[in-house]
Amino acid sequence: MYLLLDVGNSQIYGGLMNENGEILFRFRKASKTGASSDEIGLFLRAVIRENGFEYKEIKQIALCSVVPEVVHSIGSACVKYFDIHPFAVNNDVKTGLNNKYANPKEVGADRIANAIAGTKLYPNKNLIIVDLGTATTFCAITKTRDYLGGAILSGLRLNMESLVSKTSKLPSFEVIAPKNIMGNSTIESLQSGLYYGHLGAMREIIGKMTYECFEGQKPFIIGTGGFSSLFKDAEIFDTIEPDLVFMGLKTAIEINQPIA
């Protein structure tokens, strides 16, 4: 089995995957800095056990991280509690991509993992991958696996928290897909503005990328990340792949550490 970890700014998003690529379960943990290797290792063992699996059956661990200060603790936890040195996806490993960034090392490891998975699942297609997490990221990849770059904007939860923390009267509210754009209360108005504002931004960025990167020929649009399901009926994505980053991590292991 594979233990796969996507270490984001807000959360560690993890999953256990079998050799056939099936996700056995998923979990989330706050990715606070300063967490010790013991805290992380004990948590990982416990969450695996409580979901009915045996941690000793894990043969590979892979991670991608946009929080460098947490990586050392996770790596130490994997060695101490699983006797496995985790495989970290970054720009120094084989990816199967032609990274066209001015400085390839600036591309986030999560974006690399998403691109690896996208090109494997949908070969010979021009792609735009939209990952709705703490930030909302856009990645453009050509059918020849050229990673062209993308765009980044603040995510839905960040926008919500900013509204609440920077104003005196606006209440905290749940991030949802509202039924109507016209809010009938302060909370409904906030939910509408957040959702449709983000939807409009995504449509504009995807449209500009389609024109600039693919000469106006429509690419295949993949949605992923925790908030992607909110837009499943918005007719903006061709598919939603909630486990795209896990697929990318597993594929990266196979590319770099083929099992005989």
Protein backbone atom coordinates (compact mmCIF):
# COMPACT_ATOMS: atom_id res chain seq x y z
CA MET A 1 0.00 0.00 0.00
CA TYR A 2 0.95 3.63 -0.51
CA LEU A 3 0.65 6.38 2.09
CA LEU A 4 0.30 9.65 0.18
CA LEU A 5 0.55 13.11 1.76
CA ASP A 6 -0.24 16.51 0.27
CA VAL A 7 1.12 19.06 2.75
CA GLY A 8 -0.65 22.37 2.21
CA ASN A 9 -0.64 25.69 3.98
CA SER A 10 -3.76 24.84 5.98
CA GLN A 11 -3.93 21.06 6.10
CA ILE A 12 -2.13 17.82 5.50
CA TYR A 13 -4.41 15.95 3.10
CA GLY A 14 -3.59 12.26 3.16
CA GLY A 15 -4.77 9.02 1.67
CA LEU A 16 -4.04 5.33 1.65
CA MET A 17 -3.93 3.78 -1.82
CA ASN A 18 -3.60 0.17 -2.90
CA GLU A 19 -1.43 -1.12 -5.73
CA ASN A 20 -4.36 -0.82 -8.18
CA GLY A 21 -4.65 2.91 -7.57
CA GLU A 22 -7.80 2.70 -5.46
CA ILE A 23 -8.11 5.12 -2.54
CA LEU A 24 -8.89 3.12 0.61
CA PHE A 25 -9.54 6.16 2.80
CA ARG A 26 -8.70 9.86 3.09
CA PHE A 27 -7.93 12.08 6.06
CA ARG A 28 -7.02 15.66 6.92
CA LYS A 29 -4.87 17.16 9.67
CA ALA A 30 -3.96 20.77 10.39
CA SER A 31 -0.48 21.41 8.97
CA LYS A 32 0.76 23.55 11.83
CA THR A 33 4.43 24.41 11.95
CA GLY A 34 6.31 23.24 15.00
CA ALA A 35 4.61 19.83 15.09
CA SER A 36 7.11 17.21 16.25
CA SER A 37 7.92 14.03 14.36
CA ASP A 38 6.39 12.06 17.25
CA GLU A 39 3.12 13.97 17.03
CA ILE A 40 2.90 13.40 13.27
CA GLY A 41 4.03 9.76 13.41
CA LEU A 42 1.59 8.81 16.16
CA PHE A 43 -1.23 10.56 14.32
CA LEU A 44 -0.49 8.72 11.07
CA ARG A 45 -0.32 5.34 12.79
CA ALA A 46 -3.56 6.05 14.67
CA VAL A 47 -5.55 7.22 11.64
CA ILE A 48 -4.44 4.16 9.67
CA ARG A 49 -5.37 1.83 12.53
CA GLU A 50 -8.75 3.49 13.17
CA ASN A 51 -9.67 3.03 9.52
CA GLY A 52 -9.09 -0.70 9.77
CA PHE A 53 -5.65 -1.05 8.20
CA GLU A 54 -2.23 -2.12 9.43
CA TYR A 55 0.57 0.41 9.12
CA LYS A 56 3.14 -2.36 8.60
CA GLU A 57 1.50 -3.12 5.22
CA ILE A 58 2.61 0.26 3.84
CA LYS A 59 5.47 -0.20 1.39
CA GLN A 60 5.89 3.32 0.02
CA ILE A 61 5.28 6.86 1.28
CA ALA A 62 5.21 9.87 -1.01
CA LEU A 63 4.59 13.51 -0.29
CA CYS A 64 4.41 16.90 -1.90
CA SER A 65 4.66 20.03 0.19
CA VAL A 66 4.34 23.80 -0.08
CA VAL A 67 5.35 24.14 3.60
CA PRO A 68 9.09 23.38 3.74
CA GLU A 69 9.34 23.77 7.52
CA VAL A 70 6.97 20.82 8.05
CA VAL A 71 8.75 18.43 5.68
CA HIS A 72 11.61 17.57 8.05
CA SER A 73 9.21 16.51 10.83
CA ILE A 74 7.16 14.40 8.42
CA GLY A 75 10.26 12.76 7.01
CA SER A 76 11.54 11.94 10.50
CA ALA A 77 8.12 10.59 11.47
CA CYS A 78 8.06 8.27 8.44
CA VAL A 79 11.49 6.89 9.26
CA LYS A 80 10.82 6.50 12.99
CA TYR A 81 7.27 5.12 12.85
CA PHE A 82 7.20 3.33 9.48
CA ASP A 83 10.88 2.62 8.79
CA ILE A 84 10.39 4.22 5.36
CA HIS A 85 12.21 7.16 3.84
CA PRO A 86 9.44 9.11 2.09
CA PHE A 87 9.70 10.07 -1.56
CA ALA A 88 9.27 13.83 -2.02
CA VAL A 89 7.99 15.17 -5.33
CA ASN A 90 9.84 18.28 -6.48
CA ASN A 91 11.58 19.67 -9.55
CA ASP A 92 14.69 17.55 -8.93
CA VAL A 93 12.91 14.24 -9.61
CA LYS A 94 11.70 12.71 -12.87
CA THR A 95 8.24 13.99 -13.73
CA GLY A 96 7.75 13.28 -17.43
CA LEU A 97 7.07 17.03 -17.87
CA ASN A 98 8.97 19.70 -19.78
CA ASN A 99 8.93 22.52 -17.25
CA LYS A 100 8.86 25.85 -19.10
CA TYR A 101 8.79 28.07 -16.00
CA ALA A 102 11.50 30.76 -16.04
CA ASN A 103 12.71 29.21 -12.78
CA PRO A 104 11.41 25.63 -12.70
CA LYS A 105 12.14 25.32 -8.98
CA GLU A 106 9.42 27.88 -8.25
CA VAL A 107 6.61 25.56 -9.31
CA GLY A 108 4.86 24.13 -6.24
CA ALA A 109 5.20 20.42 -5.64
CA ASP A 110 1.42 20.01 -5.49
CA ARG A 111 1.09 21.58 -8.94
CA ILE A 112 3.76 19.22 -10.26
CA ALA A 113 1.92 16.20 -8.82
CA ASN A 114 -1.37 17.37 -10.35
CA ALA A 115 0.29 17.83 -13.76
CA ILE A 116 1.88 14.36 -13.61
CA ALA A 117 -1.51 12.80 -12.92
CA GLY A 118 -3.35 14.92 -15.48
CA THR A 119 -1.02 13.97 -18.31
CA LYS A 120 -1.25 10.29 -17.36
CA LEU A 121 -5.05 10.22 -17.10
CA TYR A 122 -5.64 12.34 -20.20
CA PRO A 123 -2.70 11.79 -22.56
CA ASN A 124 -2.36 13.73 -25.82
CA LYS A 125 -4.65 16.49 -24.58
CA ASN A 126 -4.02 20.13 -23.86
CA LEU A 127 -4.91 20.61 -20.20
CA ILE A 128 -5.82 23.30 -17.73
CA ILE A 129 -5.85 22.02 -14.14
CA VAL A 130 -7.68 24.11 -11.55
CA ASP A 131 -6.92 23.18 -7.93
CA LEU A 132 -9.25 24.79 -5.39
CA GLY A 133 -7.51 24.61 -2.03
CA THR A 134 -6.10 27.26 0.30
CA ALA A 135 -5.14 29.03 -2.92
CA THR A 136 -6.81 28.41 -6.27
CA THR A 137 -4.14 27.50 -8.80
CA PHE A 138 -4.29 27.15 -12.57
CA CYS A 139 -1.79 25.09 -14.57
CA ALA A 140 -1.58 24.89 -18.36
CA ILE A 141 0.02 21.79 -19.88
CA THR A 142 0.26 21.02 -23.59
CA LYS A 143 -0.47 17.68 -25.23
CA THR A 144 3.31 17.25 -25.57
CA ARG A 145 3.69 17.56 -21.77
CA ASP A 146 5.07 21.10 -21.77
CA TYR A 147 4.24 22.68 -18.42
CA LEU A 148 3.69 26.29 -19.48
CA GLY A 149 2.87 27.90 -16.14
CA GLY A 150 -0.37 29.24 -14.76
CA ALA A 151 -2.02 31.60 -12.31
CA ILE A 152 -2.67 31.74 -8.58
CA LEU A 153 -5.38 33.56 -6.66
CA SER A 154 -6.52 33.40 -3.06
CA GLY A 155 -8.85 30.51 -2.32
CA LEU A 156 -12.46 30.55 -1.20
CA ARG A 157 -11.74 30.02 2.49
CA LEU A 158 -9.01 32.67 2.53
CA ASN A 159 -11.41 35.14 0.94
CA MET A 160 -14.10 34.28 3.47
CA GLU A 161 -11.74 34.61 6.43
CA SER A 162 -10.42 37.93 5.11
CA LEU A 163 -13.94 39.34 4.82
CA VAL A 164 -14.79 38.29 8.36
CA SER A 165 -11.52 39.35 10.02
CA LYS A 166 -11.17 42.71 8.27
CA THR A 167 -14.71 43.96 8.88
CA SER A 168 -16.53 44.71 12.13
CA LYS A 169 -20.07 43.64 11.31
CA LEU A 170 -19.84 40.84 8.77
CA PRO A 171 -20.47 37.43 10.37
CA SER A 172 -18.65 34.16 9.76
CA PHE A 173 -20.41 32.04 7.15
CA GLU A 174 -20.28 28.67 5.45
CA VAL A 175 -18.74 28.45 1.98
CA ILE A 176 -21.45 26.92 -0.22
CA ALA A 177 -22.84 27.01 -3.76
CA PRO A 178 -25.91 29.24 -3.34
CA LYS A 179 -29.12 28.46 -5.19
CA ASN A 180 -29.56 32.08 -6.29
CA ILE A 181 -27.21 34.96 -6.97
CA MET A 182 -29.55 37.38 -5.21
CA GLY A 183 -28.94 37.07 -1.48
CA ASN A 184 -31.88 37.74 0.84
CA SER A 185 -29.74 38.24 3.96
CA THR A 186 -26.21 39.32 4.82
CA ILE A 187 -24.98 35.74 4.97
CA GLU A 188 -26.68 34.81 1.69
CA SER A 189 -25.20 37.91 0.06
CA LEU A 190 -21.72 36.99 1.29
CA GLN A 191 -22.11 33.42 0.05
CA SER A 192 -23.32 34.63 -3.33
CA GLY A 193 -20.54 37.16 -3.77
CA LEU A 194 -17.85 34.69 -2.74
CA TYR A 195 -19.10 31.87 -4.95
CA TYR A 196 -19.98 33.80 -8.09
CA GLY A 197 -16.98 36.08 -7.77
CA HIS A 198 -14.71 33.03 -7.73
CA LEU A 199 -16.62 31.42 -10.57
CA GLY A 200 -16.25 34.55 -12.68
CA ALA A 201 -12.54 34.76 -11.94
CA MET A 202 -12.06 31.12 -12.95
CA ARG A 203 -13.94 31.58 -16.21
CA GLU A 204 -11.92 34.67 -17.08
CA ILE A 205 -8.56 33.04 -16.32
CA ILE A 206 -9.45 29.84 -18.18
CA GLY A 207 -10.62 31.88 -21.17
CA LYS A 208 -7.42 33.95 -21.28
CA MET A 209 -5.24 30.85 -20.90
CA THR A 210 -7.12 29.09 -23.69
CA TYR A 211 -6.40 32.02 -26.00
CA GLU A 212 -2.77 32.59 -24.97
CA CYS A 213 -1.60 28.99 -24.52
CA PHE A 214 -3.65 26.98 -26.99
CA GLU A 215 -4.48 29.50 -29.74
CA GLY A 216 -8.13 29.47 -28.77
CA GLN A 217 -8.55 25.71 -29.09
CA LYS A 218 -10.46 24.48 -26.06
CA PRO A 219 -8.29 22.43 -23.68
CA PHE A 220 -9.55 19.73 -21.36
CA ILE A 221 -10.36 21.37 -18.02
CA ILE A 222 -9.75 19.36 -14.82
CA GLY A 223 -11.05 20.51 -11.46
CA THR A 224 -9.52 19.21 -8.25
CA GLY A 225 -9.03 20.23 -4.62
CA GLY A 226 -11.34 20.45 -1.66
CA PHE A 227 -13.70 23.09 -3.07
CA SER A 228 -13.93 21.76 -6.63
CA SER A 229 -17.15 19.87 -5.92
CA LEU A 230 -18.91 23.19 -5.23
CA PHE A 231 -18.67 23.93 -8.94
CA LYS A 232 -19.72 20.54 -10.30
CA ASP A 233 -22.90 22.00 -11.84
CA ALA A 234 -21.31 25.24 -13.04
CA GLU A 235 -20.28 23.80 -16.44
CA ILE A 236 -16.73 25.03 -16.04
CA PHE A 237 -14.87 21.72 -15.69
CA ASP A 238 -14.83 18.79 -18.11
CA THR A 239 -14.17 16.50 -15.16
CA ILE A 240 -13.53 16.69 -11.44
CA GLU A 241 -10.73 14.49 -10.11
CA PRO A 242 -10.72 14.92 -6.32
CA ASP A 243 -7.76 12.56 -5.88
CA LEU A 244 -5.60 13.98 -8.66
CA VAL A 245 -2.68 14.83 -6.36
CA PHE A 246 -2.64 11.27 -4.96
CA MET A 247 -2.56 9.82 -8.47
CA GLY A 248 0.35 12.11 -9.26
CA LEU A 249 2.28 11.07 -6.16
CA LYS A 250 1.84 7.37 -6.93
CA THR A 251 2.85 7.91 -10.56
CA ALA A 252 5.93 9.88 -9.47
CA ILE A 253 7.02 6.93 -7.31
CA GLU A 254 6.60 4.58 -10.27
CA ILE A 255 8.61 6.87 -12.56
CA ASN A 256 11.46 7.36 -10.11
CA GLN A 257 11.47 4.12 -8.14
CA PRO A 258 10.18 1.38 -10.46
CA ILE A 259 9.44 -1.84 -8.65
CA ALA A 260 11.07 -4.84 -10.30
